[in-house]
Amino acid sequence: MISPLFRALVEREFKNRFLGGVLSPIWWLVQPLLQLAVYALVFSVFLKIQLPEKYGTSYLAFLAVGLWPWIAFTESVTRGAGSLIQQGALITKTQLPRAWVPLATVSVSFSLHFAALCVIVLLLASLGLGINAWGIFASLPTWFALYLAALGVAWFVSVAQVVIRDVEPMLGPLLFLMTFLAPIQYAIEIIPKDFRAYVYANPFTHAIERMHEVFLTGPALPGLTDMYLLLGGAATALLGYVVFKRVAPHVDDYL
């Protein structure tokens, strides 16, 4: 059963996103759509990136199923980094478990972006752009693995931000650079073989490739890749939680 205190924290997170301004109710969807449109224009029209035949002919579909999980991950980590400071008054005045604050932030981010991904996939499928709508269900293990990984990183950077205060501003540029080290805007096959090892060193690469598989090529059934991703996500979450629990008792001294 979900704790009423955690439910209230999630509701507060939703309200902060949707009631923060005039455009807040739609910006959570419009901003990724604009990013998707700009990347599609630059890479498919200006640079004329070619996809391997197995991915079909729709660069927009290829880009969408890889970009949206990355947006969910980066937003969760960056918002999670500042979550303890933003909820400082609530933390210091209540018995709220500190770990719940980044947990609520990451959970809301992934819920919203998964809903947005479902809408985009169904729209692209209805337009006949060669995307498998049933991939929504097959992508759930990968999505959950990314959720666990984002949660672990968010737990770590949230306490680091409280103590150091320079972590959050560094995350944006760092995550932006990592975008180009994962096959989001391009297929791994177009990279020279001598450099592919660097791209595969990015753990997110394997999640992106799995998303491309379930939505564009198959197989849609769970496989070893899903298991490895889930194990990696669980290990990241556990490590982040261990660090968080060691530092959390000292958080109030810095808030």
C-alpha atoms as a PDB file:
ATOM      1  CA  MET A   1       0.000   0.000   0.000  1.00  0.00           C
ATOM      2  CA  ILE A   2       1.324   3.442  -0.927  1.00  0.00           C
ATOM      3  CA  SER A   3       1.978   5.713   2.037  1.00  0.00           C
ATOM      4  CA  PRO A   4      -0.317   8.786   2.169  1.00  0.00           C
ATOM      5  CA  LEU A   5       2.803  10.895   2.746  1.00  0.00           C
ATOM      6  CA  PHE A   6       4.434   9.608  -0.424  1.00  0.00           C
ATOM      7  CA  ARG A   7       1.177  10.045  -2.345  1.00  0.00           C
ATOM      8  CA  ALA A   8       1.045  13.667  -1.187  1.00  0.00           C
ATOM      9  CA  LEU A   9       4.643  14.144  -2.328  1.00  0.00           C
ATOM     10  CA  VAL A  10       3.813  12.789  -5.789  1.00  0.00           C
ATOM     11  CA  GLU A  11       0.737  15.001  -6.009  1.00  0.00           C
ATOM     12  CA  ARG A  12       2.861  17.974  -5.043  1.00  0.00           C
ATOM     13  CA  GLU A  13       5.331  17.095  -7.785  1.00  0.00           C
ATOM     14  CA  PHE A  14       2.535  16.955 -10.355  1.00  0.00           C
ATOM     15  CA  LYS A  15       1.156  20.303  -9.176  1.00  0.00           C
ATOM     16  CA  ASN A  16       4.585  21.942  -9.398  1.00  0.00           C
ATOM     17  CA  ARG A  17       4.836  20.833 -13.027  1.00  0.00           C
ATOM     18  CA  PHE A  18       1.321  21.599 -14.208  1.00  0.00           C
ATOM     19  CA  LEU A  19       0.473  24.661 -12.133  1.00  0.00           C
ATOM     20  CA  GLY A  20       3.807  26.464 -12.345  1.00  0.00           C
ATOM     21  CA  GLY A  21       2.832  28.721 -15.262  1.00  0.00           C
ATOM     22  CA  VAL A  22       0.475  29.304 -18.148  1.00  0.00           C
ATOM     23  CA  LEU A  23       2.276  26.878 -20.472  1.00  0.00           C
ATOM     24  CA  SER A  24       3.120  24.283 -17.803  1.00  0.00           C
ATOM     25  CA  PRO A  25       0.214  21.912 -18.604  1.00  0.00           C
ATOM     26  CA  ILE A  26       1.411  21.451 -22.198  1.00  0.00           C
ATOM     27  CA  TRP A  27       5.126  22.247 -22.029  1.00  0.00           C
ATOM     28  CA  TRP A  28       6.030  18.789 -20.725  1.00  0.00           C
ATOM     29  CA  LEU A  29       4.887  17.423 -24.098  1.00  0.00           C
ATOM     30  CA  VAL A  30       5.680  20.368 -26.383  1.00  0.00           C
ATOM     31  CA  GLN A  31       9.329  20.686 -25.333  1.00  0.00           C
ATOM     32  CA  PRO A  32      10.291  17.091 -26.308  1.00  0.00           C
ATOM     33  CA  LEU A  33       8.286  17.458 -29.524  1.00  0.00           C
ATOM     34  CA  LEU A  34      10.240  20.572 -30.440  1.00  0.00           C
ATOM     35  CA  GLN A  35      13.500  18.783 -29.676  1.00  0.00           C
ATOM     36  CA  LEU A  36      12.362  15.857 -31.806  1.00  0.00           C
ATOM     37  CA  ALA A  37      11.476  18.182 -34.686  1.00  0.00           C
ATOM     38  CA  VAL A  38      14.796  20.053 -34.566  1.00  0.00           C
ATOM     39  CA  TYR A  39      16.869  16.849 -34.445  1.00  0.00           C
ATOM     40  CA  ALA A  40      14.842  15.350 -37.299  1.00  0.00           C
ATOM     41  CA  LEU A  41      15.355  18.478 -39.401  1.00  0.00           C
ATOM     42  CA  VAL A  42      19.099  18.697 -38.745  1.00  0.00           C
ATOM     43  CA  PHE A  43      20.020  15.031 -39.049  1.00  0.00           C
ATOM     44  CA  SER A  44      17.596  13.780 -41.700  1.00  0.00           C
ATOM     45  CA  VAL A  45      17.203  16.867 -43.894  1.00  0.00           C
ATOM     46  CA  PHE A  46      20.395  18.887 -43.485  1.00  0.00           C
ATOM     47  CA  LEU A  47      22.908  16.086 -42.810  1.00  0.00           C
ATOM     48  CA  LYS A  48      20.879  13.405 -44.633  1.00  0.00           C
ATOM     49  CA  ILE A  49      21.640  10.617 -42.157  1.00  0.00           C
ATOM     50  CA  GLN A  50      20.804   7.240 -43.734  1.00  0.00           C
ATOM     51  CA  LEU A  51      19.346   4.391 -41.707  1.00  0.00           C
ATOM     52  CA  PRO A  52      20.201   0.711 -42.196  1.00  0.00           C
ATOM     53  CA  GLU A  53      17.429  -1.117 -44.021  1.00  0.00           C
ATOM     54  CA  LYS A  54      16.384  -3.090 -40.943  1.00  0.00           C
ATOM     55  CA  TYR A  55      15.137   0.117 -39.272  1.00  0.00           C
ATOM     56  CA  GLY A  56      12.824   1.021 -42.134  1.00  0.00           C
ATOM     57  CA  THR A  57      12.670   4.363 -43.877  1.00  0.00           C
ATOM     58  CA  SER A  58      11.214   6.655 -41.216  1.00  0.00           C
ATOM     59  CA  TYR A  59      13.969   8.594 -39.506  1.00  0.00           C
ATOM     60  CA  LEU A  60      11.327  10.302 -37.352  1.00  0.00           C
ATOM     61  CA  ALA A  61      10.214   6.965 -35.893  1.00  0.00           C
ATOM     62  CA  PHE A  62      13.838   5.905 -35.333  1.00  0.00           C
ATOM     63  CA  LEU A  63      14.594   9.160 -33.548  1.00  0.00           C
ATOM     64  CA  ALA A  64      11.431   9.243 -31.422  1.00  0.00           C
ATOM     65  CA  VAL A  65      11.801   5.805 -29.805  1.00  0.00           C
ATOM     66  CA  GLY A  66      15.417   6.522 -28.879  1.00  0.00           C
ATOM     67  CA  LEU A  67      15.109  10.169 -27.901  1.00  0.00           C
ATOM     68  CA  TRP A  68      12.117   9.928 -25.567  1.00  0.00           C
ATOM     69  CA  PRO A  69      13.689   7.499 -23.064  1.00  0.00           C
ATOM     70  CA  TRP A  70      16.794   9.666 -22.994  1.00  0.00           C
ATOM     71  CA  ILE A  71      14.698  12.772 -22.261  1.00  0.00           C
ATOM     72  CA  ALA A  72      12.980  10.900 -19.416  1.00  0.00           C
ATOM     73  CA  PHE A  73      16.342   9.840 -18.002  1.00  0.00           C
ATOM     74  CA  THR A  74      18.013  13.258 -18.226  1.00  0.00           C
ATOM     75  CA  GLU A  75      15.007  15.118 -16.842  1.00  0.00           C
ATOM     76  CA  SER A  76      14.751  12.692 -13.923  1.00  0.00           C
ATOM     77  CA  VAL A  77      18.420  13.083 -13.049  1.00  0.00           C
ATOM     78  CA  THR A  78      18.529  16.883 -13.359  1.00  0.00           C
ATOM     79  CA  ARG A  79      15.272  17.390 -11.437  1.00  0.00           C
ATOM     80  CA  GLY A  80      16.305  14.800  -8.891  1.00  0.00           C
ATOM     81  CA  ALA A  81      19.574  16.626  -8.257  1.00  0.00           C
ATOM     82  CA  GLY A  82      17.774  19.670  -6.895  1.00  0.00           C
ATOM     83  CA  SER A  83      14.837  17.874  -5.310  1.00  0.00           C
ATOM     84  CA  LEU A  84      16.141  17.801  -1.720  1.00  0.00           C
ATOM     85  CA  ILE A  85      16.938  21.506  -1.769  1.00  0.00           C
ATOM     86  CA  GLN A  86      13.575  22.369  -3.325  1.00  0.00           C
ATOM     87  CA  GLN A  87      11.770  20.379  -0.658  1.00  0.00           C
ATOM     88  CA  GLY A  88      14.067  21.576   2.121  1.00  0.00           C
ATOM     89  CA  ALA A  89      11.323  23.181   4.213  1.00  0.00           C
ATOM     90  CA  LEU A  90       9.213  20.026   4.074  1.00  0.00           C
ATOM     91  CA  ILE A  91      12.164  17.767   4.887  1.00  0.00           C
ATOM     92  CA  THR A  92      13.322  19.715   7.946  1.00  0.00           C
ATOM     93  CA  LYS A  93       9.815  20.074   9.422  1.00  0.00           C
ATOM     94  CA  THR A  94       8.464  16.553   8.963  1.00  0.00           C
ATOM     95  CA  GLN A  95       9.520  12.944   9.391  1.00  0.00           C
ATOM     96  CA  LEU A  96       9.392  12.427   5.625  1.00  0.00           C
ATOM     97  CA  PRO A  97      11.915   9.761   4.553  1.00  0.00           C
ATOM     98  CA  ARG A  98      14.549  11.657   2.565  1.00  0.00           C
ATOM     99  CA  ALA A  99      14.821   8.976  -0.118  1.00  0.00           C
ATOM    100  CA  TRP A 100      11.189   9.511  -1.072  1.00  0.00           C
ATOM    101  CA  VAL A 101      11.879  12.981  -2.453  1.00  0.00           C
ATOM    102  CA  PRO A 102      14.071  11.922  -5.439  1.00  0.00           C
ATOM    103  CA  LEU A 103      11.874   8.819  -5.780  1.00  0.00           C
ATOM    104  CA  ALA A 104       8.778  10.967  -6.318  1.00  0.00           C
ATOM    105  CA  THR A 105      10.587  13.211  -8.807  1.00  0.00           C
ATOM    106  CA  VAL A 106      11.877  10.311 -10.910  1.00  0.00           C
ATOM    107  CA  SER A 107       8.576   8.437 -10.755  1.00  0.00           C
ATOM    108  CA  VAL A 108       6.589  11.426 -12.012  1.00  0.00           C
ATOM    109  CA  SER A 109       9.087  12.151 -14.810  1.00  0.00           C
ATOM    110  CA  PHE A 110       9.072   8.598 -16.117  1.00  0.00           C
ATOM    111  CA  SER A 111       5.290   8.295 -15.838  1.00  0.00           C
ATOM    112  CA  LEU A 112       4.712  11.460 -17.855  1.00  0.00           C
ATOM    113  CA  HIS A 113       7.257  10.641 -20.532  1.00  0.00           C
ATOM    114  CA  PHE A 114       6.093   7.064 -20.914  1.00  0.00           C
ATOM    115  CA  ALA A 115       2.572   8.374 -21.480  1.00  0.00           C
ATOM    116  CA  ALA A 116       3.962  10.829 -24.039  1.00  0.00           C
ATOM    117  CA  LEU A 117       5.915   8.056 -25.774  1.00  0.00           C
ATOM    118  CA  CYS A 118       2.746   5.970 -26.052  1.00  0.00           C
ATOM    119  CA  VAL A 119       0.925   8.887 -27.674  1.00  0.00           C
ATOM    120  CA  ILE A 120       3.769   9.507 -30.155  1.00  0.00           C
ATOM    121  CA  VAL A 121       4.128   5.812 -31.050  1.00  0.00           C
ATOM    122  CA  LEU A 122       0.393   5.409 -31.661  1.00  0.00           C
ATOM    123  CA  LEU A 123       0.365   8.585 -33.759  1.00  0.00           C
ATOM    124  CA  LEU A 124       3.329   7.468 -35.886  1.00  0.00           C
ATOM    125  CA  ALA A 125       1.809   3.987 -36.279  1.00  0.00           C
ATOM    126  CA  SER A 126      -1.476   5.495 -37.450  1.00  0.00           C
ATOM    127  CA  LEU A 127       0.457   7.496 -40.059  1.00  0.00           C
ATOM    128  CA  GLY A 128       1.999   4.289 -41.405  1.00  0.00           C
ATOM    129  CA  LEU A 129       5.579   5.169 -40.530  1.00  0.00           C
ATOM    130  CA  GLY A 130       6.664   1.586 -39.903  1.00  0.00           C
ATOM    131  CA  ILE A 131       6.592   1.555 -36.119  1.00  0.00           C
ATOM    132  CA  ASN A 132       5.285  -1.390 -34.100  1.00  0.00           C
ATOM    133  CA  ALA A 133       2.667  -0.130 -31.632  1.00  0.00           C
ATOM    134  CA  TRP A 134       2.876  -3.421 -29.696  1.00  0.00           C
ATOM    135  CA  GLY A 135       6.435  -2.390 -28.885  1.00  0.00           C
ATOM    136  CA  ILE A 136       4.924  -0.259 -26.121  1.00  0.00           C
ATOM    137  CA  PHE A 137       4.440  -3.429 -24.070  1.00  0.00           C
ATOM    138  CA  ALA A 138       7.736  -5.009 -25.134  1.00  0.00           C
ATOM    139  CA  SER A 139       9.611  -1.843 -24.150  1.00  0.00           C
ATOM    140  CA  LEU A 140       8.402  -1.987 -20.534  1.00  0.00           C
ATOM    141  CA  PRO A 141      11.439  -3.966 -19.219  1.00  0.00           C
ATOM    142  CA  THR A 142      13.823  -1.490 -20.854  1.00  0.00           C
ATOM    143  CA  TRP A 143      11.795   1.445 -19.584  1.00  0.00           C
ATOM    144  CA  PHE A 144      11.812   0.047 -16.042  1.00  0.00           C
ATOM    145  CA  ALA A 145      15.559  -0.596 -16.230  1.00  0.00           C
ATOM    146  CA  LEU A 146      16.114   3.042 -17.229  1.00  0.00           C
ATOM    147  CA  TYR A 147      13.829   4.113 -14.385  1.00  0.00           C
ATOM    148  CA  LEU A 148      15.921   2.176 -11.874  1.00  0.00           C
ATOM    149  CA  ALA A 149      19.151   3.594 -13.300  1.00  0.00           C
ATOM    150  CA  ALA A 150      17.790   7.146 -13.210  1.00  0.00           C
ATOM    151  CA  LEU A 151      16.606   6.618  -9.629  1.00  0.00           C
ATOM    152  CA  GLY A 152      20.039   5.432  -8.525  1.00  0.00           C
ATOM    153  CA  VAL A 153      21.783   8.367 -10.184  1.00  0.00           C
ATOM    154  CA  ALA A 154      19.180  10.793  -8.782  1.00  0.00           C
ATOM    155  CA  TRP A 155      19.716   9.505  -5.248  1.00  0.00           C
ATOM    156  CA  PHE A 156      23.456  10.009  -5.643  1.00  0.00           C
ATOM    157  CA  VAL A 157      23.409  13.472  -7.228  1.00  0.00           C
ATOM    158  CA  SER A 158      20.682  14.775  -4.890  1.00  0.00           C
ATOM    159  CA  VAL A 159      22.839  14.356  -1.789  1.00  0.00           C
ATOM    160  CA  ALA A 160      25.915  15.473  -3.708  1.00  0.00           C
ATOM    161  CA  GLN A 161      24.099  18.671  -4.695  1.00  0.00           C
ATOM    162  CA  VAL A 162      23.153  19.383  -1.081  1.00  0.00           C
ATOM    163  CA  VAL A 163      26.755  19.107   0.047  1.00  0.00           C
ATOM    164  CA  ILE A 164      28.629  20.567  -2.939  1.00  0.00           C
ATOM    165  CA  ARG A 165      26.006  22.776  -4.680  1.00  0.00           C
ATOM    166  CA  ASP A 166      27.899  22.691  -7.990  1.00  0.00           C
ATOM    167  CA  VAL A 167      26.603  19.331  -9.166  1.00  0.00           C
ATOM    168  CA  GLU A 168      23.294  20.380 -10.726  1.00  0.00           C
ATOM    169  CA  PRO A 169      24.750  23.040 -13.089  1.00  0.00           C
ATOM    170  CA  MET A 170      27.275  20.483 -14.353  1.00  0.00           C
ATOM    171  CA  LEU A 171      24.696  17.826 -15.179  1.00  0.00           C
ATOM    172  CA  GLY A 172      23.068  19.628 -18.098  1.00  0.00           C
ATOM    173  CA  PRO A 173      26.212  20.006 -20.266  1.00  0.00           C
ATOM    174  CA  LEU A 174      27.461  16.547 -19.289  1.00  0.00           C
ATOM    175  CA  LEU A 175      24.205  14.816 -20.204  1.00  0.00           C
ATOM    176  CA  PHE A 176      23.971  16.829 -23.423  1.00  0.00           C
ATOM    177  CA  LEU A 177      27.390  15.561 -24.493  1.00  0.00           C
ATOM    178  CA  MET A 178      26.375  11.998 -23.642  1.00  0.00           C
ATOM    179  CA  THR A 179      23.459  12.360 -26.054  1.00  0.00           C
ATOM    180  CA  PHE A 180      25.912  12.146 -28.941  1.00  0.00           C
ATOM    181  CA  LEU A 181      27.667   9.097 -27.485  1.00  0.00           C
ATOM    182  CA  ALA A 182      24.510   6.993 -27.780  1.00  0.00           C
ATOM    183  CA  PRO A 183      22.832   5.926 -31.045  1.00  0.00           C
ATOM    184  CA  ILE A 184      19.893   8.295 -30.708  1.00  0.00           C
ATOM    185  CA  GLN A 185      20.384  10.475 -33.785  1.00  0.00           C
ATOM    186  CA  TYR A 186      22.279   7.829 -35.745  1.00  0.00           C
ATOM    187  CA  ALA A 187      22.444   4.057 -36.097  1.00  0.00           C
ATOM    188  CA  ILE A 188      25.435   2.288 -34.587  1.00  0.00           C
ATOM    189  CA  GLU A 189      26.139   0.686 -37.998  1.00  0.00           C
ATOM    190  CA  ILE A 190      27.239   3.977 -39.569  1.00  0.00           C
ATOM    191  CA  ILE A 191      30.067   4.446 -37.042  1.00  0.00           C
ATOM    192  CA  PRO A 192      33.485   3.171 -38.156  1.00  0.00           C
ATOM    193  CA  LYS A 193      34.208  -0.143 -36.469  1.00  0.00           C
ATOM    194  CA  ASP A 194      37.309   1.242 -34.754  1.00  0.00           C
ATOM    195  CA  PHE A 195      35.159   3.717 -32.815  1.00  0.00           C
ATOM    196  CA  ARG A 196      32.124   1.599 -31.980  1.00  0.00           C
ATOM    197  CA  ALA A 197      33.656   0.405 -28.730  1.00  0.00           C
ATOM    198  CA  TYR A 198      33.491   3.962 -27.382  1.00  0.00           C
ATOM    199  CA  VAL A 199      29.783   4.160 -28.131  1.00  0.00           C
ATOM    200  CA  TYR A 200      29.125   0.741 -26.590  1.00  0.00           C
ATOM    201  CA  ALA A 201      30.973   1.901 -23.471  1.00  0.00           C
ATOM    202  CA  ASN A 202      28.004   4.175 -22.855  1.00  0.00           C
ATOM    203  CA  PRO A 203      25.522   1.942 -20.949  1.00  0.00           C
ATOM    204  CA  PHE A 204      22.628   3.866 -22.440  1.00  0.00           C
ATOM    205  CA  THR A 205      23.594   2.615 -25.913  1.00  0.00           C
ATOM    206  CA  HIS A 206      22.268  -0.862 -25.127  1.00  0.00           C
ATOM    207  CA  ALA A 207      18.939   0.512 -23.917  1.00  0.00           C
ATOM    208  CA  ILE A 208      18.537   2.611 -27.055  1.00  0.00           C
ATOM    209  CA  GLU A 209      19.314  -0.324 -29.314  1.00  0.00           C
ATOM    210  CA  ARG A 210      16.738  -2.409 -27.471  1.00  0.00           C
ATOM    211  CA  MET A 211      14.133   0.317 -27.979  1.00  0.00           C
ATOM    212  CA  HIS A 212      14.923   0.331 -31.695  1.00  0.00           C
ATOM    213  CA  GLU A 213      14.538  -3.448 -31.768  1.00  0.00           C
ATOM    214  CA  VAL A 214      11.129  -3.675 -30.131  1.00  0.00           C
ATOM    215  CA  PHE A 215       9.626  -0.774 -32.058  1.00  0.00           C
ATOM    216  CA  LEU A 216      11.295  -1.054 -35.463  1.00  0.00           C
ATOM    217  CA  THR A 217      12.828  -4.482 -36.102  1.00  0.00           C
ATOM    218  CA  GLY A 218      11.825  -7.123 -33.538  1.00  0.00           C
ATOM    219  CA  PRO A 219      11.932  -9.418 -31.743  1.00  0.00           C
ATOM    220  CA  ALA A 220       9.352  -7.956 -29.415  1.00  0.00           C
ATOM    221  CA  LEU A 221       9.589 -10.719 -26.806  1.00  0.00           C
ATOM    222  CA  PRO A 222      11.719 -10.208 -23.665  1.00  0.00           C
ATOM    223  CA  GLY A 223      15.242 -11.528 -24.018  1.00  0.00           C
ATOM    224  CA  LEU A 224      18.714 -11.549 -22.495  1.00  0.00           C
ATOM    225  CA  THR A 225      19.222  -7.883 -23.289  1.00  0.00           C
ATOM    226  CA  ASP A 226      16.234  -7.013 -21.109  1.00  0.00           C
ATOM    227  CA  MET A 227      17.641  -9.101 -18.269  1.00  0.00           C
ATOM    228  CA  TYR A 228      21.056  -7.447 -18.489  1.00  0.00           C
ATOM    229  CA  LEU A 229      19.478  -3.997 -18.586  1.00  0.00           C
ATOM    230  CA  LEU A 230      17.316  -4.769 -15.559  1.00  0.00           C
ATOM    231  CA  LEU A 231      20.286  -6.103 -13.621  1.00  0.00           C
ATOM    232  CA  GLY A 232      22.314  -3.023 -14.508  1.00  0.00           C
ATOM    233  CA  GLY A 233      19.464  -0.713 -13.534  1.00  0.00           C
ATOM    234  CA  ALA A 234      18.913  -2.540 -10.240  1.00  0.00           C
ATOM    235  CA  ALA A 235      22.636  -2.414  -9.420  1.00  0.00           C
ATOM    236  CA  THR A 236      22.717   1.334 -10.143  1.00  0.00           C
ATOM    237  CA  ALA A 237      19.654   1.934  -7.969  1.00  0.00           C
ATOM    238  CA  LEU A 238      21.139  -0.094  -5.123  1.00  0.00           C
ATOM    239  CA  LEU A 239      24.474   1.702  -5.281  1.00  0.00           C
ATOM    240  CA  GLY A 240      22.789   5.102  -5.379  1.00  0.00           C
ATOM    241  CA  TYR A 241      20.587   4.184  -2.429  1.00  0.00           C
ATOM    242  CA  VAL A 242      23.547   2.988  -0.348  1.00  0.00           C
ATOM    243  CA  VAL A 243      25.361   6.285  -0.936  1.00  0.00           C
ATOM    244  CA  PHE A 244      22.170   8.223  -0.203  1.00  0.00           C
ATOM    245  CA  LYS A 245      21.578   6.424   3.097  1.00  0.00           C
ATOM    246  CA  ARG A 246      25.132   7.134   4.253  1.00  0.00           C
ATOM    247  CA  VAL A 247      24.880  10.846   3.519  1.00  0.00           C
ATOM    248  CA  ALA A 248      21.172  11.451   4.277  1.00  0.00           C
ATOM    249  CA  PRO A 249      21.596  11.785   8.093  1.00  0.00           C
ATOM    250  CA  HIS A 250      23.747  14.878   7.467  1.00  0.00           C
ATOM    251  CA  VAL A 251      21.464  16.477   4.876  1.00  0.00           C
ATOM    252  CA  ASP A 252      19.602  18.694   7.369  1.00  0.00           C
ATOM    253  CA  ASP A 253      22.874  20.383   8.333  1.00  0.00           C
ATOM    254  CA  TYR A 254      23.200  21.773   4.774  1.00  0.00           C
ATOM    255  CA  LEU A 255      19.565  22.654   4.022  1.00  0.00           C
END
